PDB file of N, CA and C in Angstrom:
ATOM      1  N   MET A   1      -6.580   3.258 -10.266  1.00  0.00           N
ATOM      2  CA  MET A   1      -6.806   3.139 -11.690  1.00  0.00           C
ATOM      3  C   MET A   1      -5.967   1.983 -12.227  1.00  0.00           C
ATOM      4  N   ILE A   2      -6.553   1.154 -13.048  1.00  0.00           N
ATOM      5  CA  ILE A   2      -5.877   0.007 -13.635  1.00  0.00           C
ATOM      6  C   ILE A   2      -6.055   0.082 -15.142  1.00  0.00           C
ATOM      7  N   THR A   3      -5.011  -0.277 -15.881  1.00  0.00           N
ATOM      8  CA  THR A   3      -5.161  -0.290 -17.332  1.00  0.00           C
ATOM      9  C   THR A   3      -6.094  -1.424 -17.733  1.00  0.00           C
ATOM     10  N   ALA A   4      -6.714  -1.313 -18.888  1.00  0.00           N
ATOM     11  CA  ALA A   4      -7.744  -2.266 -19.315  1.00  0.00           C
ATOM     12  C   ALA A   4      -7.231  -3.693 -19.426  1.00  0.00           C
ATOM     13  N   ASP A   5      -5.964  -3.883 -19.784  1.00  0.00           N
ATOM     14  CA  ASP A   5      -5.445  -5.236 -19.953  1.00  0.00           C
ATOM     15  C   ASP A   5      -4.787  -5.785 -18.686  1.00  0.00           C
ATOM     16  N   SER A   6      -4.910  -5.105 -17.590  1.00  0.00           N
ATOM     17  CA  SER A   6      -4.286  -5.525 -16.342  1.00  0.00           C
ATOM     18  C   SER A   6      -5.266  -6.325 -15.491  1.00  0.00           C
ATOM     19  N   ASP A   7      -4.773  -7.418 -14.909  1.00  0.00           N
ATOM     20  CA  ASP A   7      -5.599  -8.215 -13.998  1.00  0.00           C
ATOM     21  C   ASP A   7      -4.999  -8.200 -12.598  1.00  0.00           C
ATOM     22  N   ILE A   8      -4.407  -7.095 -12.234  1.00  0.00           N
ATOM     23  CA  ILE A   8      -3.741  -6.957 -10.940  1.00  0.00           C
ATOM     24  C   ILE A   8      -4.734  -6.455  -9.902  1.00  0.00           C
ATOM     25  N   GLN A   9      -4.727  -7.102  -8.750  1.00  0.00           N
ATOM     26  CA  GLN A   9      -5.530  -6.670  -7.606  1.00  0.00           C
ATOM     27  C   GLN A   9      -4.571  -6.215  -6.519  1.00  0.00           C
ATOM     28  N   ALA A  10      -4.946  -5.192  -5.775  1.00  0.00           N
ATOM     29  CA  ALA A  10      -4.121  -4.710  -4.670  1.00  0.00           C
ATOM     30  C   ALA A  10      -5.020  -4.300  -3.520  1.00  0.00           C
ATOM     31  N   TRP A  11      -4.523  -4.460  -2.293  1.00  0.00           N
ATOM     32  CA  TRP A  11      -5.274  -4.068  -1.106  1.00  0.00           C
ATOM     33  C   TRP A  11      -4.312  -3.877   0.051  1.00  0.00           C
ATOM     34  N   LEU A  12      -4.827  -3.270   1.123  1.00  0.00           N
ATOM     35  CA  LEU A  12      -4.063  -3.070   2.353  1.00  0.00           C
ATOM     36  C   LEU A  12      -4.688  -3.879   3.468  1.00  0.00           C
ATOM     37  N   GLU A  13      -3.849  -4.349   4.358  1.00  0.00           N
ATOM     38  CA  GLU A  13      -4.310  -4.916   5.621  1.00  0.00           C
ATOM     39  C   GLU A  13      -3.567  -4.185   6.721  1.00  0.00           C
ATOM     40  N   ALA A  14      -4.197  -4.102   7.889  1.00  0.00           N
ATOM     41  CA  ALA A  14      -3.577  -3.388   8.999  1.00  0.00           C
ATOM     42  C   ALA A  14      -3.790  -4.132  10.300  1.00  0.00           C
ATOM     43  N   ALA A  15      -2.776  -4.076  11.136  1.00  0.00           N
ATOM     44  CA  ALA A  15      -2.883  -4.555  12.514  1.00  0.00           C
ATOM     45  C   ALA A  15      -2.950  -3.303  13.370  1.00  0.00           C
ATOM     46  N   SER A  16      -4.102  -3.062  13.980  1.00  0.00           N
ATOM     47  CA  SER A  16      -4.307  -1.770  14.642  1.00  0.00           C
ATOM     48  C   SER A  16      -4.600  -1.899  16.127  1.00  0.00           C
ATOM     49  N   ARG A  17      -4.199  -2.975  16.726  1.00  0.00           N
ATOM     50  CA  ARG A  17      -4.499  -3.141  18.151  1.00  0.00           C
ATOM     51  C   ARG A  17      -3.624  -2.274  19.034  1.00  0.00           C
ATOM     52  N   SER A  18      -2.539  -1.783  18.496  1.00  0.00           N
ATOM     53  CA  SER A  18      -1.660  -0.927  19.279  1.00  0.00           C
ATOM     54  C   SER A  18      -1.052   0.119  18.358  1.00  0.00           C
ATOM     55  N   GLN A  19      -0.445   1.116  18.953  1.00  0.00           N
ATOM     56  CA  GLN A  19       0.255   2.143  18.187  1.00  0.00           C
ATOM     57  C   GLN A  19       1.740   1.838  18.259  1.00  0.00           C
ATOM     58  N   PRO A  20       2.510   1.965  17.234  1.00  0.00           N
ATOM     59  CA  PRO A  20       2.079   2.328  15.888  1.00  0.00           C
ATOM     60  C   PRO A  20       1.364   1.173  15.201  1.00  0.00           C
ATOM     61  N   SER A  21       0.566   1.508  14.212  1.00  0.00           N
ATOM     62  CA  SER A  21      -0.180   0.516  13.456  1.00  0.00           C
ATOM     63  C   SER A  21       0.687  -0.019  12.318  1.00  0.00           C
ATOM     64  N   LEU A  22       0.573  -1.307  12.057  1.00  0.00           N
ATOM     65  CA  LEU A  22       1.307  -1.959  10.980  1.00  0.00           C
ATOM     66  C   LEU A  22       0.408  -2.026   9.750  1.00  0.00           C
ATOM     67  N   ILE A  23       0.873  -1.481   8.621  1.00  0.00           N
ATOM     68  CA  ILE A  23       0.128  -1.494   7.361  1.00  0.00           C
ATOM     69  C   ILE A  23       0.898  -2.344   6.365  1.00  0.00           C
ATOM     70  N   VAL A  24       0.198  -3.310   5.744  1.00  0.00           N
ATOM     71  CA  VAL A  24       0.835  -4.233   4.805  1.00  0.00           C
ATOM     72  C   VAL A  24       0.084  -4.197   3.475  1.00  0.00           C
ATOM     73  N   PRO A  25       0.736  -3.765   2.389  1.00  0.00           N
ATOM     74  CA  PRO A  25       0.104  -3.814   1.070  1.00  0.00           C
ATOM     75  C   PRO A  25       0.317  -5.185   0.410  1.00  0.00           C
ATOM     76  N   TYR A  26      -0.709  -5.663  -0.292  1.00  0.00           N
ATOM     77  CA  TYR A  26      -0.660  -6.953  -0.987  1.00  0.00           C
ATOM     78  C   TYR A  26      -1.022  -6.764  -2.447  1.00  0.00           C
ATOM     79  N   VAL A  27      -0.478  -7.633  -3.304  1.00  0.00           N
ATOM     80  CA  VAL A  27      -0.875  -7.684  -4.708  1.00  0.00           C
ATOM     81  C   VAL A  27      -1.092  -9.132  -5.119  1.00  0.00           C
ATOM     82  N   LYS A  28      -1.937  -9.290  -6.137  1.00  0.00           N
ATOM     83  CA  LYS A  28      -2.244 -10.604  -6.705  1.00  0.00           C
ATOM     84  C   LYS A  28      -2.518 -10.385  -8.184  1.00  0.00           C
ATOM     85  N   THR A  29      -2.110 -11.332  -9.013  1.00  0.00           N
ATOM     86  CA  THR A  29      -2.349 -11.201 -10.444  1.00  0.00           C
ATOM     87  C   THR A  29      -2.650 -12.566 -11.048  1.00  0.00           C
ATOM     88  N   GLY A  30      -3.335 -12.575 -12.165  1.00  0.00           N
ATOM     89  CA  GLY A  30      -3.685 -13.815 -12.849  1.00  0.00           C
ATOM     90  C   GLY A  30      -2.624 -14.295 -13.823  1.00  0.00           C
ATOM     91  N   HIS A  31      -1.554 -13.534 -13.977  1.00  0.00           N
ATOM     92  CA  HIS A  31      -0.479 -13.932 -14.888  1.00  0.00           C
ATOM     93  C   HIS A  31       0.865 -13.780 -14.180  1.00  0.00           C
ATOM     94  N   GLN A  32       1.867 -14.484 -14.668  1.00  0.00           N
ATOM     95  CA  GLN A  32       3.201 -14.318 -14.100  1.00  0.00           C
ATOM     96  C   GLN A  32       3.718 -12.946 -14.487  1.00  0.00           C
ATOM     97  N   ALA A  33       4.261 -12.244 -13.512  1.00  0.00           N
ATOM     98  CA  ALA A  33       4.734 -10.892 -13.774  1.00  0.00           C
ATOM     99  C   ALA A  33       5.863 -10.536 -12.822  1.00  0.00           C
ATOM    100  N   THR A  34       6.784  -9.762 -13.328  1.00  0.00           N
ATOM    101  CA  THR A  34       7.769  -9.118 -12.466  1.00  0.00           C
ATOM    102  C   THR A  34       7.366  -7.656 -12.399  1.00  0.00           C
ATOM    103  N   LEU A  35       6.992  -7.231 -11.211  1.00  0.00           N
ATOM    104  CA  LEU A  35       6.483  -5.881 -11.005  1.00  0.00           C
ATOM    105  C   LEU A  35       7.462  -5.066 -10.177  1.00  0.00           C
ATOM    106  N   GLN A  36       7.602  -3.816 -10.543  1.00  0.00           N
ATOM    107  CA  GLN A  36       8.294  -2.865  -9.698  1.00  0.00           C
ATOM    108  C   GLN A  36       7.200  -2.088  -8.979  1.00  0.00           C
ATOM    109  N   TYR A  37       7.457  -1.727  -7.730  1.00  0.00           N
ATOM    110  CA  TYR A  37       6.429  -1.027  -6.970  1.00  0.00           C
ATOM    111  C   TYR A  37       7.021   0.141  -6.201  1.00  0.00           C
ATOM    112  N   GLU A  38       6.176   1.139  -5.995  1.00  0.00           N
ATOM    113  CA  GLU A  38       6.477   2.287  -5.146  1.00  0.00           C
ATOM    114  C   GLU A  38       5.293   2.452  -4.208  1.00  0.00           C
ATOM    115  N   ILE A  39       5.577   2.556  -2.930  1.00  0.00           N
ATOM    116  CA  ILE A  39       4.541   2.747  -1.918  1.00  0.00           C
ATOM    117  C   ILE A  39       4.860   4.039  -1.180  1.00  0.00           C
ATOM    118  N   GLU A  40       3.841   4.877  -1.017  1.00  0.00           N
ATOM    119  CA  GLU A  40       4.019   6.117  -0.267  1.00  0.00           C
ATOM    120  C   GLU A  40       2.854   6.264   0.699  1.00  0.00           C
ATOM    121  N   ALA A  41       3.164   6.433   1.973  1.00  0.00           N
ATOM    122  CA  ALA A  41       2.147   6.685   2.997  1.00  0.00           C
ATOM    123  C   ALA A  41       2.321   8.120   3.476  1.00  0.00           C
ATOM    124  N   ARG A  42       1.212   8.862   3.520  1.00  0.00           N
ATOM    125  CA  ARG A  42       1.241  10.256   3.975  1.00  0.00           C
ATOM    126  C   ARG A  42       0.258  10.433   5.118  1.00  0.00           C
ATOM    127  N   LYS A  43       0.726  11.094   6.165  1.00  0.00           N
ATOM    128  CA  LYS A  43      -0.107  11.378   7.326  1.00  0.00           C
ATOM    129  C   LYS A  43       0.084  12.839   7.688  1.00  0.00           C
ATOM    130  N   GLU A  44      -1.017  13.506   8.034  1.00  0.00           N
ATOM    131  CA  GLU A  44      -0.939  14.897   8.460  1.00  0.00           C
ATOM    132  C   GLU A  44      -1.905  15.113   9.609  1.00  0.00           C
ATOM    133  N   GLY A  45      -1.436  15.829  10.625  1.00  0.00           N
ATOM    134  CA  GLY A  45      -2.274  16.110  11.781  1.00  0.00           C
ATOM    135  C   GLY A  45      -1.645  17.171  12.663  1.00  0.00           C
ATOM    136  N   LYS A  46      -2.136  17.259  13.891  1.00  0.00           N
ATOM    137  CA  LYS A  46      -1.639  18.263  14.833  1.00  0.00           C
ATOM    138  C   LYS A  46      -0.144  18.124  15.093  1.00  0.00           C
ATOM    139  N   SER A  47       0.351  16.904  15.034  1.00  0.00           N
ATOM    140  CA  SER A  47       1.772  16.678  15.325  1.00  0.00           C
ATOM    141  C   SER A  47       2.669  16.940  14.115  1.00  0.00           C
ATOM    142  N   GLY A  48       2.087  17.289  12.972  1.00  0.00           N
ATOM    143  CA  GLY A  48       2.870  17.593  11.783  1.00  0.00           C
ATOM    144  C   GLY A  48       2.592  16.641  10.639  1.00  0.00           C
ATOM    145  N   LYS A  49       3.512  16.645   9.670  1.00  0.00           N
ATOM    146  CA  LYS A  49       3.377  15.805   8.479  1.00  0.00           C
ATOM    147  C   LYS A  49       4.413  14.695   8.523  1.00  0.00           C
ATOM    148  N   SER A  50       4.043  13.568   7.935  1.00  0.00           N
ATOM    149  CA  SER A  50       4.962  12.440   7.840  1.00  0.00           C
ATOM    150  C   SER A  50       4.757  11.774   6.490  1.00  0.00           C
ATOM    151  N   VAL A  51       5.865  11.444   5.811  1.00  0.00           N
ATOM    152  CA  VAL A  51       5.810  10.738   4.534  1.00  0.00           C
ATOM    153  C   VAL A  51       6.768   9.560   4.611  1.00  0.00           C
ATOM    154  N   LEU A  52       6.256   8.373   4.333  1.00  0.00           N
ATOM    155  CA  LEU A  52       7.071   7.163   4.280  1.00  0.00           C
ATOM    156  C   LEU A  52       7.053   6.647   2.856  1.00  0.00           C
ATOM    157  N   ARG A  53       8.219   6.240   2.344  1.00  0.00           N
ATOM    158  CA  ARG A  53       8.296   5.700   0.984  1.00  0.00           C
ATOM    159  C   ARG A  53       9.134   4.439   0.992  1.00  0.00           C
ATOM    160  N   GLN A  54       8.719   3.500   0.176  1.00  0.00           N
ATOM    161  CA  GLN A  54       9.549   2.325  -0.072  1.00  0.00           C
ATOM    162  C   GLN A  54       9.209   1.778  -1.445  1.00  0.00           C
ATOM    163  N   GLY A  55      10.117   1.003  -1.992  1.00  0.00           N
ATOM    164  CA  GLY A  55       9.906   0.440  -3.313  1.00  0.00           C
ATOM    165  C   GLY A  55      10.742  -0.800  -3.493  1.00  0.00           C
ATOM    166  N   GLY A  56      10.498  -1.473  -4.596  1.00  0.00           N
ATOM    167  CA  GLY A  56      11.254  -2.681  -4.878  1.00  0.00           C
ATOM    168  C   GLY A  56      10.710  -3.377  -6.102  1.00  0.00           C
ATOM    169  N   SER A  57      11.071  -4.647  -6.218  1.00  0.00           N
ATOM    170  CA  SER A  57      10.657  -5.474  -7.343  1.00  0.00           C
ATOM    171  C   SER A  57      10.235  -6.828  -6.800  1.00  0.00           C
ATOM    172  N   VAL A  58       9.226  -7.415  -7.420  1.00  0.00           N
ATOM    173  CA  VAL A  58       8.725  -8.709  -6.970  1.00  0.00           C
ATOM    174  C   VAL A  58       8.242  -9.503  -8.183  1.00  0.00           C
ATOM    175  N   THR A  59       8.509 -10.807  -8.179  1.00  0.00           N
ATOM    176  CA  THR A  59       7.969 -11.693  -9.207  1.00  0.00           C
ATOM    177  C   THR A  59       6.778 -12.423  -8.612  1.00  0.00           C
ATOM    178  N   ILE A  60       5.658 -12.366  -9.319  1.00  0.00           N
ATOM    179  CA  ILE A  60       4.402 -12.959  -8.854  1.00  0.00           C
ATOM    180  C   ILE A  60       3.971 -14.009  -9.866  1.00  0.00           C
ATOM    181  N   TYR A  61       3.460 -15.123  -9.356  1.00  0.00           N
ATOM    182  CA  TYR A  61       2.949 -16.199 -10.211  1.00  0.00           C
ATOM    183  C   TYR A  61       1.428 -16.176 -10.182  1.00  0.00           C
ATOM    184  N   PRO A  62       0.765 -16.717 -11.205  1.00  0.00           N
ATOM    185  CA  PRO A  62      -0.698 -16.647 -11.295  1.00  0.00           C
ATOM    186  C   PRO A  62      -1.386 -17.117 -10.010  1.00  0.00           C
ATOM    187  N   GLY A  63      -2.271 -16.266  -9.505  1.00  0.00           N
ATOM    188  CA  GLY A  63      -3.044 -16.596  -8.317  1.00  0.00           C
ATOM    189  C   GLY A  63      -2.307 -16.425  -7.005  1.00  0.00           C
ATOM    190  N   GLN A  64      -1.034 -16.108  -7.041  1.00  0.00           N
ATOM    191  CA  GLN A  64      -0.240 -15.955  -5.824  1.00  0.00           C
ATOM    192  C   GLN A  64      -0.471 -14.569  -5.225  1.00  0.00           C
ATOM    193  N   THR A  65      -0.635 -14.519  -3.905  1.00  0.00           N
ATOM    194  CA  THR A  65      -0.729 -13.257  -3.187  1.00  0.00           C
ATOM    195  C   THR A  65       0.630 -12.952  -2.574  1.00  0.00           C
ATOM    196  N   VAL A  66       1.111 -11.738  -2.791  1.00  0.00           N
ATOM    197  CA  VAL A  66       2.430 -11.348  -2.295  1.00  0.00           C
ATOM    198  C   VAL A  66       2.307 -10.066  -1.483  1.00  0.00           C
ATOM    199  N   ASN A  67       2.942 -10.045  -0.297  1.00  0.00           N
ATOM    200  CA  ASN A  67       2.973  -8.781   0.439  1.00  0.00           C
ATOM    201  C   ASN A  67       4.202  -8.002  -0.003  1.00  0.00           C
ATOM    202  N   LEU A  68       4.059  -6.703  -0.031  1.00  0.00           N
ATOM    203  CA  LEU A  68       5.108  -5.817  -0.526  1.00  0.00           C
ATOM    204  C   LEU A  68       5.847  -5.135   0.613  1.00  0.00           C
ATOM    205  N   GLY A  69       6.015  -5.834   1.717  1.00  0.00           N
ATOM    206  CA  GLY A  69       6.687  -5.237   2.865  1.00  0.00           C
ATOM    207  C   GLY A  69       5.668  -4.706   3.847  1.00  0.00           C
ATOM    208  N   SER A  70       6.098  -3.838   4.718  1.00  0.00           N
ATOM    209  CA  SER A  70       5.192  -3.269   5.715  1.00  0.00           C
ATOM    210  C   SER A  70       5.675  -1.884   6.116  1.00  0.00           C
ATOM    211  N   MET A  71       4.740  -1.112   6.656  1.00  0.00           N
ATOM    212  CA  MET A  71       5.031   0.230   7.160  1.00  0.00           C
ATOM    213  C   MET A  71       4.340   0.370   8.500  1.00  0.00           C
ATOM    214  N   THR A  72       4.930   1.137   9.386  1.00  0.00           N
ATOM    215  CA  THR A  72       4.272   1.421  10.657  1.00  0.00           C
ATOM    216  C   THR A  72       3.988   2.914  10.748  1.00  0.00           C
ATOM    217  N   LEU A  73       2.790   3.225  11.232  1.00  0.00           N
ATOM    218  CA  LEU A  73       2.349   4.612  11.384  1.00  0.00           C
ATOM    219  C   LEU A  73       1.716   4.795  12.748  1.00  0.00           C
ATOM    220  N   SER A  74       2.061   5.883  13.407  1.00  0.00           N
ATOM    221  CA  SER A  74       1.340   6.300  14.610  1.00  0.00           C
ATOM    222  C   SER A  74       0.365   7.379  14.173  1.00  0.00           C
ATOM    223  N   ARG A  75      -0.874   7.255  14.623  1.00  0.00           N
ATOM    224  CA  ARG A  75      -1.902   8.209  14.215  1.00  0.00           C
ATOM    225  C   ARG A  75      -2.750   8.625  15.387  1.00  0.00           C
ATOM    226  N   ASN A  76      -3.338   9.808  15.238  1.00  0.00           N
ATOM    227  CA  ASN A  76      -4.361  10.280  16.152  1.00  0.00           C
ATOM    228  C   ASN A  76      -5.686  10.286  15.411  1.00  0.00           C
ATOM    229  N   MET A  77      -6.761  10.377  16.151  1.00  0.00           N
ATOM    230  CA  MET A  77      -8.096  10.253  15.576  1.00  0.00           C
ATOM    231  C   MET A  77      -8.366  11.264  14.461  1.00  0.00           C
ATOM    232  N   HIS A  78      -7.851  12.467  14.558  1.00  0.00           N
ATOM    233  CA  HIS A  78      -8.179  13.505  13.576  1.00  0.00           C
ATOM    234  C   HIS A  78      -7.128  13.655  12.477  1.00  0.00           C
ATOM    235  N   ASP A  79      -6.143  12.784  12.446  1.00  0.00           N
ATOM    236  CA  ASP A  79      -5.136  12.827  11.389  1.00  0.00           C
ATOM    237  C   ASP A  79      -5.749  12.396  10.058  1.00  0.00           C
ATOM    238  N   THR A  80      -5.258  12.972   8.973  1.00  0.00           N
ATOM    239  CA  THR A  80      -5.589  12.466   7.645  1.00  0.00           C
ATOM    240  C   THR A  80      -4.438  11.563   7.209  1.00  0.00           C
ATOM    241  N   CYS A  81      -4.786  10.489   6.543  1.00  0.00           N
ATOM    242  CA  CYS A  81      -3.763   9.510   6.194  1.00  0.00           C
ATOM    243  C   CYS A  81      -4.197   8.741   4.952  1.00  0.00           C
ATOM    244  N   PHE A  82      -3.254   8.548   4.017  1.00  0.00           N
ATOM    245  CA  PHE A  82      -3.539   7.717   2.852  1.00  0.00           C
ATOM    246  C   PHE A  82      -2.260   7.063   2.359  1.00  0.00           C
ATOM    247  N   VAL A  83      -2.440   6.006   1.564  1.00  0.00           N
ATOM    248  CA  VAL A  83      -1.331   5.244   1.001  1.00  0.00           C
ATOM    249  C   VAL A  83      -1.528   5.187  -0.512  1.00  0.00           C
ATOM    250  N   VAL A  84      -0.461   5.460  -1.265  1.00  0.00           N
ATOM    251  CA  VAL A  84      -0.486   5.356  -2.724  1.00  0.00           C
ATOM    252  C   VAL A  84       0.451   4.222  -3.132  1.00  0.00           C
ATOM    253  N   LEU A  85      -0.066   3.305  -3.934  1.00  0.00           N
ATOM    254  CA  LEU A  85       0.714   2.182  -4.455  1.00  0.00           C
ATOM    255  C   LEU A  85       0.732   2.295  -5.975  1.00  0.00           C
ATOM    256  N   THR A  86       1.923   2.370  -6.551  1.00  0.00           N
ATOM    257  CA  THR A  86       2.085   2.434  -7.999  1.00  0.00           C
ATOM    258  C   THR A  86       2.859   1.203  -8.445  1.00  0.00           C
ATOM    259  N   LEU A  87       2.332   0.520  -9.470  1.00  0.00           N
ATOM    260  CA  LEU A  87       2.951  -0.701  -9.984  1.00  0.00           C
ATOM    261  C   LEU A  87       3.379  -0.505 -11.428  1.00  0.00           C
ATOM    262  N   TYR A  88       4.548  -1.047 -11.753  1.00  0.00           N
ATOM    263  CA  TYR A  88       5.113  -0.978 -13.098  1.00  0.00           C
ATOM    264  C   TYR A  88       5.450  -2.389 -13.558  1.00  0.00           C
ATOM    265  N   GLU A  89       5.229  -2.652 -14.829  1.00  0.00           N
ATOM    266  CA  GLU A  89       5.645  -3.914 -15.435  1.00  0.00           C
ATOM    267  C   GLU A  89       6.402  -3.567 -16.709  1.00  0.00           C
ATOM    268  N   ARG A  90       7.616  -4.041 -16.827  1.00  0.00           N
ATOM    269  CA  ARG A  90       8.486  -3.703 -17.969  1.00  0.00           C
ATOM    270  C   ARG A  90       8.555  -2.193 -18.182  1.00  0.00           C
ATOM    271  N   GLU A  91       8.750  -1.485 -17.079  1.00  0.00           N
ATOM    272  CA  GLU A  91       8.928  -0.029 -17.065  1.00  0.00           C
ATOM    273  C   GLU A  91       7.691   0.758 -17.495  1.00  0.00           C
ATOM    274  N   LYS A  92       6.552   0.094 -17.601  1.00  0.00           N
ATOM    275  CA  LYS A  92       5.296   0.766 -17.946  1.00  0.00           C
ATOM    276  C   LYS A  92       4.390   0.752 -16.714  1.00  0.00           C
ATOM    277  N   LYS A  93       3.831   1.915 -16.384  1.00  0.00           N
ATOM    278  CA  LYS A  93       2.907   1.973 -15.252  1.00  0.00           C
ATOM    279  C   LYS A  93       1.664   1.175 -15.600  1.00  0.00           C
ATOM    280  N   VAL A  94       1.337   0.171 -14.776  1.00  0.00           N
ATOM    281  CA  VAL A  94       0.177  -0.672 -15.051  1.00  0.00           C
ATOM    282  C   VAL A  94      -0.948  -0.476 -14.043  1.00  0.00           C
ATOM    283  N   ALA A  95      -0.646   0.119 -12.896  1.00  0.00           N
ATOM    284  CA  ALA A  95      -1.699   0.336 -11.906  1.00  0.00           C
ATOM    285  C   ALA A  95      -1.273   1.420 -10.929  1.00  0.00           C
ATOM    286  N   ASN A  96      -2.264   2.169 -10.464  1.00  0.00           N
ATOM    287  CA  ASN A  96      -2.038   3.194  -9.455  1.00  0.00           C
ATOM    288  C   ASN A  96      -3.237   3.162  -8.514  1.00  0.00           C
ATOM    289  N   TYR A  97      -2.983   2.957  -7.234  1.00  0.00           N
ATOM    290  CA  TYR A  97      -4.045   2.834  -6.240  1.00  0.00           C
ATOM    291  C   TYR A  97      -3.845   3.894  -5.165  1.00  0.00           C
ATOM    292  N   ARG A  98      -4.954   4.416  -4.656  1.00  0.00           N
ATOM    293  CA  ARG A  98      -4.914   5.318  -3.505  1.00  0.00           C
ATOM    294  C   ARG A  98      -5.878   4.761  -2.475  1.00  0.00           C
ATOM    295  N   PHE A  99      -5.349   4.460  -1.302  1.00  0.00           N
ATOM    296  CA  PHE A  99      -6.144   3.903  -0.211  1.00  0.00           C
ATOM    297  C   PHE A  99      -6.130   4.871   0.964  1.00  0.00           C
ATOM    298  N   ASP A 100      -7.283   5.052   1.604  1.00  0.00           N
ATOM    299  CA  ASP A 100      -7.266   5.701   2.905  1.00  0.00           C
ATOM    300  C   ASP A 100      -6.615   4.725   3.865  1.00  0.00           C
ATOM    301  N   CYS A 101      -5.884   5.244   4.838  1.00  0.00           N
ATOM    302  CA  CYS A 101      -5.297   4.352   5.829  1.00  0.00           C
ATOM    303  C   CYS A 101      -6.424   3.604   6.527  1.00  0.00           C
ATOM    304  N   PRO A 102      -6.208   2.345   6.836  1.00  0.00           N
ATOM    305  CA  PRO A 102      -7.252   1.574   7.516  1.00  0.00           C
ATOM    306  C   PRO A 102      -7.655   2.237   8.827  1.00  0.00           C
ATOM    307  N   GLN A 103      -8.934   2.122   9.151  1.00  0.00           N
ATOM    308  CA  GLN A 103      -9.431   2.668  10.407  1.00  0.00           C
ATOM    309  C   GLN A 103      -8.792   1.942  11.570  1.00  0.00           C
ATOM    310  N   MET A 104      -8.501   2.686  12.596  1.00  0.00           N
ATOM    311  CA  MET A 104      -7.876   2.108  13.775  1.00  0.00           C
ATOM    312  C   MET A 104      -8.851   2.205  14.929  1.00  0.00           C
ATOM    313  N   ALA A 105      -9.291   1.071  15.394  1.00  0.00           N
ATOM    314  CA  ALA A 105     -10.375   0.993  16.369  1.00  0.00           C
ATOM    315  C   ALA A 105     -10.058   1.686  17.681  1.00  0.00           C
ATOM    316  N   ASP A 106      -8.804   1.682  18.084  1.00  0.00           N
ATOM    317  CA  ASP A 106      -8.513   2.191  19.421  1.00  0.00           C
ATOM    318  C   ASP A 106      -7.801   3.544  19.412  1.00  0.00           C
ATOM    319  N   LEU A 107      -8.025   4.368  18.382  1.00  0.00           N
ATOM    320  CA  LEU A 107      -7.414   5.693  18.375  1.00  0.00           C
ATOM    321  C   LEU A 107      -8.010   6.553  19.473  1.00  0.00           C
ATOM    322  N   LYS A 108      -7.163   7.335  20.088  1.00  0.00           N
ATOM    323  CA  LYS A 108      -7.622   8.210  21.174  1.00  0.00           C
ATOM    324  C   LYS A 108      -7.393   9.656  20.807  1.00  0.00           C
TER     325      LYS A 108
END
Protein backbone atom coordinates (compact mmCIF):
# COMPACT_ATOMS: atom_id res chain seq x y z
CA MET A 1 0.00 0.00 0.00
CA ILE A 2 1.32 3.44 -0.93
CA THR A 3 -0.08 6.80 0.06
CA ALA A 4 -1.58 8.83 -2.79
CA ASP A 5 1.19 11.44 -2.81
CA SER A 6 4.03 8.91 -2.74
CA ASP A 7 6.06 8.05 -5.84
CA ILE A 8 8.12 5.34 -4.17
CA GLN A 9 8.68 2.02 -5.92
CA ALA A 10 10.00 -1.06 -4.13
CA TRP A 11 10.86 -4.60 -5.22
CA LEU A 12 12.89 -7.67 -4.27
CA GLU A 13 15.59 -9.46 -6.19
CA ALA A 14 16.98 -12.84 -5.26
CA ALA A 15 19.99 -14.96 -6.08
CA SER A 16 18.67 -18.49 -5.77
CA ARG A 17 21.25 -20.71 -7.39
CA SER A 18 22.30 -22.10 -4.04
CA GLN A 19 21.09 -22.32 -0.46
CA PRO A 20 20.84 -20.09 1.43
CA SER A 21 19.20 -17.70 -1.00
CA LEU A 22 20.20 -14.03 -1.00
CA ILE A 23 17.25 -11.58 -0.97
CA VAL A 24 17.87 -7.90 -1.72
CA PRO A 25 15.16 -5.22 -1.36
CA TYR A 26 15.40 -2.09 -3.56
CA VAL A 27 13.67 1.29 -3.54
CA LYS A 28 13.45 4.11 -6.07
CA THR A 29 11.70 7.46 -5.87
CA GLY A 30 11.10 10.46 -8.12
CA HIS A 31 12.00 12.97 -5.41
CA GLN A 32 14.89 13.41 -3.00
CA ALA A 33 14.01 11.75 0.26
CA THR A 34 15.54 10.49 3.45
CA LEU A 35 13.67 7.31 4.26
CA GLN A 36 13.73 5.11 7.30
CA TYR A 37 13.02 1.47 6.58
CA GLU A 38 12.11 -1.73 8.38
CA ILE A 39 12.42 -5.08 6.65
CA GLU A 40 11.05 -8.31 8.09
CA ALA A 41 11.36 -11.73 6.46
CA ARG A 42 9.27 -14.60 7.86
CA LYS A 43 9.62 -18.26 6.96
CA GLU A 44 7.69 -21.21 8.35
CA GLY A 45 7.98 -24.89 7.53
CA LYS A 46 8.77 -28.35 8.84
CA SER A 47 12.03 -27.11 10.34
CA GLY A 48 10.24 -24.41 12.36
CA LYS A 49 9.79 -20.65 12.19
CA SER A 50 12.36 -18.00 11.38
CA VAL A 51 12.06 -14.21 11.52
CA LEU A 52 14.77 -11.85 10.27
CA ARG A 53 14.57 -8.09 10.85
CA GLN A 54 16.71 -5.17 9.85
CA GLY A 55 16.26 -1.45 9.50
CA GLY A 56 18.04 1.77 8.82
CA SER A 57 17.96 5.10 7.04
CA VAL A 58 18.86 5.99 3.48
CA THR A 59 18.92 9.19 1.41
CA ILE A 60 17.68 8.69 -2.15
CA TYR A 61 17.94 11.13 -5.05
CA PRO A 62 15.40 11.37 -7.91
CA GLY A 63 15.56 8.33 -10.17
CA GLN A 64 18.25 6.63 -8.07
CA THR A 65 17.82 2.95 -7.20
CA VAL A 66 19.11 2.00 -3.76
CA ASN A 67 19.44 -1.44 -2.21
CA LEU A 68 18.49 -1.67 1.44
CA GLY A 69 20.96 -4.37 2.41
CA SER A 70 20.45 -8.09 2.03
CA MET A 71 19.11 -11.12 3.86
CA THR A 72 19.86 -14.79 3.43
CA LEU A 73 17.24 -17.50 3.86
CA SER A 74 17.40 -21.27 3.60
CA ARG A 75 14.11 -22.71 2.41
CA ASN A 76 12.47 -25.97 1.52
CA MET A 77 9.90 -26.38 -1.22
CA HIS A 78 6.88 -26.44 1.11
CA ASP A 79 7.93 -23.56 3.36
CA THR A 80 5.83 -20.41 3.44
CA CYS A 81 7.87 -17.25 3.22
CA PHE A 82 7.23 -13.52 2.83
CA VAL A 83 9.00 -10.19 3.27
CA VAL A 84 7.42 -6.98 4.63
CA LEU A 85 9.05 -3.63 3.84
CA THR A 86 7.81 -0.52 5.65
CA LEU A 87 9.08 2.94 4.67
CA TYR A 88 8.86 6.16 6.67
CA GLU A 89 9.61 9.73 5.63
CA ARG A 90 9.84 12.39 8.36
CA GLU A 91 8.47 9.85 10.85
CA LYS A 92 5.32 9.29 8.75
CA LYS A 93 4.64 5.87 7.24
CA VAL A 94 4.62 6.42 3.47
CA ALA A 95 4.61 2.86 2.14
CA ASN A 96 4.08 -0.71 3.26
CA TYR A 97 4.81 -3.65 0.95
CA ARG A 98 4.33 -7.39 1.38
CA PHE A 99 6.19 -9.66 -1.01
CA ASP A 100 6.16 -13.42 -1.27
CA CYS A 101 9.73 -14.65 -1.13
CA PRO A 102 11.07 -15.08 -4.66
CA GLN A 103 10.68 -18.54 -6.12
CA MET A 104 13.78 -20.65 -5.88
CA ALA A 105 14.32 -22.80 -8.92
CA ASP A 106 16.41 -25.48 -7.29
CA LEU A 107 14.48 -26.16 -4.07
CA LYS A 108 14.41 -29.81 -3.12
